[in-house]
């Protein structure tokens, strides 16, 4: 039972981290996504697409 609970914790933590990464790619003021978007739209789009797929 202990192993199953630890695995669930890691899974939830990974999902939360992925959500934060996706949120940070949004091109709005103050987020990293805005900087990447104005620097190189292809780089921004590829990272956003990668986050959506994975």
N, C-alpha and C. Protein backbone atom coordinates (compact mmCIF):
# COMPACT_ATOMS: atom_id res chain seq x y z
N UNK A 1 0.82 -1.19 0.00
CA UNK A 1 0.00 0.00 0.00
C UNK A 1 0.86 1.26 0.00
N UNK A 2 1.96 1.25 0.71
CA UNK A 2 2.85 2.40 0.81
C UNK A 2 3.37 2.81 -0.58
N UNK A 3 3.77 1.84 -1.38
CA UNK A 3 4.31 2.13 -2.69
C UNK A 3 3.27 2.80 -3.59
N UNK A 4 2.03 2.36 -3.52
CA UNK A 4 0.97 2.92 -4.34
C UNK A 4 0.71 4.39 -3.99
N UNK A 5 0.73 4.72 -2.72
CA UNK A 5 0.50 6.10 -2.29
C UNK A 5 1.63 7.00 -2.76
N UNK A 6 2.86 6.53 -2.70
CA UNK A 6 4.01 7.31 -3.16
C UNK A 6 3.97 7.55 -4.66
N UNK A 7 3.52 6.54 -5.40
CA UNK A 7 3.40 6.68 -6.84
C UNK A 7 2.33 7.71 -7.19
N UNK A 8 1.23 7.68 -6.48
CA UNK A 8 0.16 8.66 -6.72
C UNK A 8 0.65 10.07 -6.44
N UNK A 9 1.40 10.25 -5.37
CA UNK A 9 1.94 11.56 -5.03
C UNK A 9 2.83 12.08 -6.16
N UNK A 10 3.70 11.22 -6.68
CA UNK A 10 4.59 11.63 -7.77
C UNK A 10 3.81 11.97 -9.03
N UNK A 11 2.76 11.21 -9.30
CA UNK A 11 1.92 11.47 -10.46
C UNK A 11 1.22 12.82 -10.35
N UNK A 12 0.64 13.10 -9.21
CA UNK A 12 -0.04 14.37 -9.00
C UNK A 12 0.95 15.53 -9.08
N UNK A 13 2.11 15.34 -8.52
CA UNK A 13 3.14 16.38 -8.58
C UNK A 13 3.60 16.63 -10.01
N UNK A 14 3.74 15.58 -10.81
CA UNK A 14 4.13 15.73 -12.21
C UNK A 14 3.04 16.46 -12.99
N UNK A 15 1.78 16.14 -12.74
CA UNK A 15 0.69 16.85 -13.41
C UNK A 15 0.67 18.33 -13.04
N UNK A 16 0.88 18.64 -11.78
CA UNK A 16 0.91 20.02 -11.34
C UNK A 16 2.06 20.78 -12.00
N UNK A 17 3.23 20.16 -12.08
CA UNK A 17 4.39 20.79 -12.70
C UNK A 17 4.12 21.03 -14.19
N UNK A 18 3.50 20.08 -14.86
CA UNK A 18 3.18 20.24 -16.28
C UNK A 18 2.18 21.38 -16.47
N UNK A 19 1.22 21.50 -15.57
CA UNK A 19 0.24 22.58 -15.66
C UNK A 19 0.91 23.94 -15.48
N UNK A 20 1.82 24.04 -14.53
CA UNK A 20 2.55 25.29 -14.31
C UNK A 20 3.38 25.64 -15.54
N UNK A 21 4.03 24.65 -16.15
CA UNK A 21 4.83 24.90 -17.36
C UNK A 21 3.93 25.40 -18.48
N UNK A 22 2.77 24.81 -18.64
CA UNK A 22 1.83 25.24 -19.68
C UNK A 22 1.34 26.66 -19.40
N UNK A 23 1.02 26.94 -18.17
CA UNK A 23 0.54 28.27 -17.80
C UNK A 23 1.60 29.33 -18.05
N UNK A 24 2.85 29.01 -17.78
CA UNK A 24 3.92 29.98 -17.95
C UNK A 24 4.20 30.28 -19.41
N UNK A 25 3.74 29.42 -20.33
CA UNK A 25 3.94 29.67 -21.76
C UNK A 25 2.89 30.60 -22.37
N UNK A 26 1.88 30.95 -21.61
CA UNK A 26 0.87 31.86 -22.14
C UNK A 26 1.49 33.23 -22.38
N UNK A 27 1.22 33.84 -23.54
CA UNK A 27 1.87 35.10 -23.89
C UNK A 27 1.17 36.33 -23.29
N UNK A 28 1.13 36.40 -21.98
CA UNK A 28 0.55 37.54 -21.29
C UNK A 28 1.61 38.22 -20.46
N UNK A 29 1.36 39.45 -20.10
CA UNK A 29 2.33 40.26 -19.37
C UNK A 29 2.90 39.59 -18.13
N UNK A 30 4.22 39.61 -18.05
CA UNK A 30 4.90 39.11 -16.89
C UNK A 30 5.25 37.63 -16.93
N UNK A 31 4.67 36.89 -17.83
CA UNK A 31 4.97 35.46 -17.92
C UNK A 31 6.07 35.23 -18.96
N UNK A 32 6.78 34.13 -18.83
CA UNK A 32 7.86 33.83 -19.77
C UNK A 32 7.36 33.66 -21.19
N UNK A 33 6.14 33.22 -21.34
CA UNK A 33 5.57 33.02 -22.67
C UNK A 33 5.56 34.29 -23.49
N UNK A 34 5.34 35.43 -22.85
CA UNK A 34 5.35 36.70 -23.57
C UNK A 34 6.73 37.00 -24.13
N UNK A 35 7.76 36.77 -23.32
CA UNK A 35 9.13 37.03 -23.77
C UNK A 35 9.51 36.13 -24.94
N UNK A 36 9.16 34.85 -24.82
CA UNK A 36 9.49 33.91 -25.89
C UNK A 36 8.67 34.23 -27.13
N UNK A 37 7.41 34.59 -26.97
CA UNK A 37 6.53 34.90 -28.10
C UNK A 37 7.07 36.06 -28.92
N UNK A 38 7.52 37.12 -28.26
CA UNK A 38 8.04 38.28 -28.99
C UNK A 38 9.44 38.04 -29.51
N UNK A 39 10.18 37.15 -28.89
CA UNK A 39 11.53 36.83 -29.35
C UNK A 39 11.49 35.96 -30.60
N UNK A 40 10.70 34.87 -30.57
CA UNK A 40 10.66 33.94 -31.68
C UNK A 40 9.36 33.16 -31.62
N UNK A 41 8.44 33.48 -32.52
CA UNK A 41 7.12 32.85 -32.50
C UNK A 41 7.18 31.36 -32.81
N UNK A 42 8.15 30.94 -33.62
CA UNK A 42 8.28 29.51 -33.93
C UNK A 42 8.73 28.74 -32.69
N UNK A 43 9.69 29.29 -31.96
CA UNK A 43 10.14 28.65 -30.72
C UNK A 43 9.00 28.57 -29.72
N UNK A 44 8.23 29.64 -29.59
CA UNK A 44 7.10 29.65 -28.67
C UNK A 44 6.06 28.60 -29.08
N UNK A 45 5.71 28.57 -30.37
CA UNK A 45 4.72 27.62 -30.85
C UNK A 45 5.15 26.17 -30.68
N UNK A 46 6.44 25.91 -30.92
CA UNK A 46 6.91 24.53 -30.77
C UNK A 46 6.88 24.09 -29.32
N UNK A 47 7.22 24.98 -28.40
CA UNK A 47 7.16 24.63 -26.99
C UNK A 47 5.72 24.45 -26.50
N UNK A 48 4.85 25.32 -26.98
CA UNK A 48 3.45 25.19 -26.60
C UNK A 48 2.87 23.89 -27.16
N UNK A 49 3.18 23.58 -28.39
CA UNK A 49 2.69 22.33 -28.99
C UNK A 49 3.23 21.13 -28.22
N UNK A 50 4.48 21.18 -27.85
CA UNK A 50 5.07 20.07 -27.07
C UNK A 50 4.34 19.90 -25.74
N UNK A 51 4.05 21.02 -25.06
CA UNK A 51 3.36 20.94 -23.76
C UNK A 51 1.94 20.41 -23.95
N UNK A 52 1.28 20.76 -25.05
CA UNK A 52 -0.08 20.27 -25.28
C UNK A 52 -0.10 18.77 -25.56
N UNK A 53 0.91 18.29 -26.26
CA UNK A 53 0.96 16.88 -26.63
C UNK A 53 1.38 16.00 -25.44
N UNK A 54 2.31 16.46 -24.65
CA UNK A 54 2.82 15.65 -23.53
C UNK A 54 2.13 16.04 -22.30
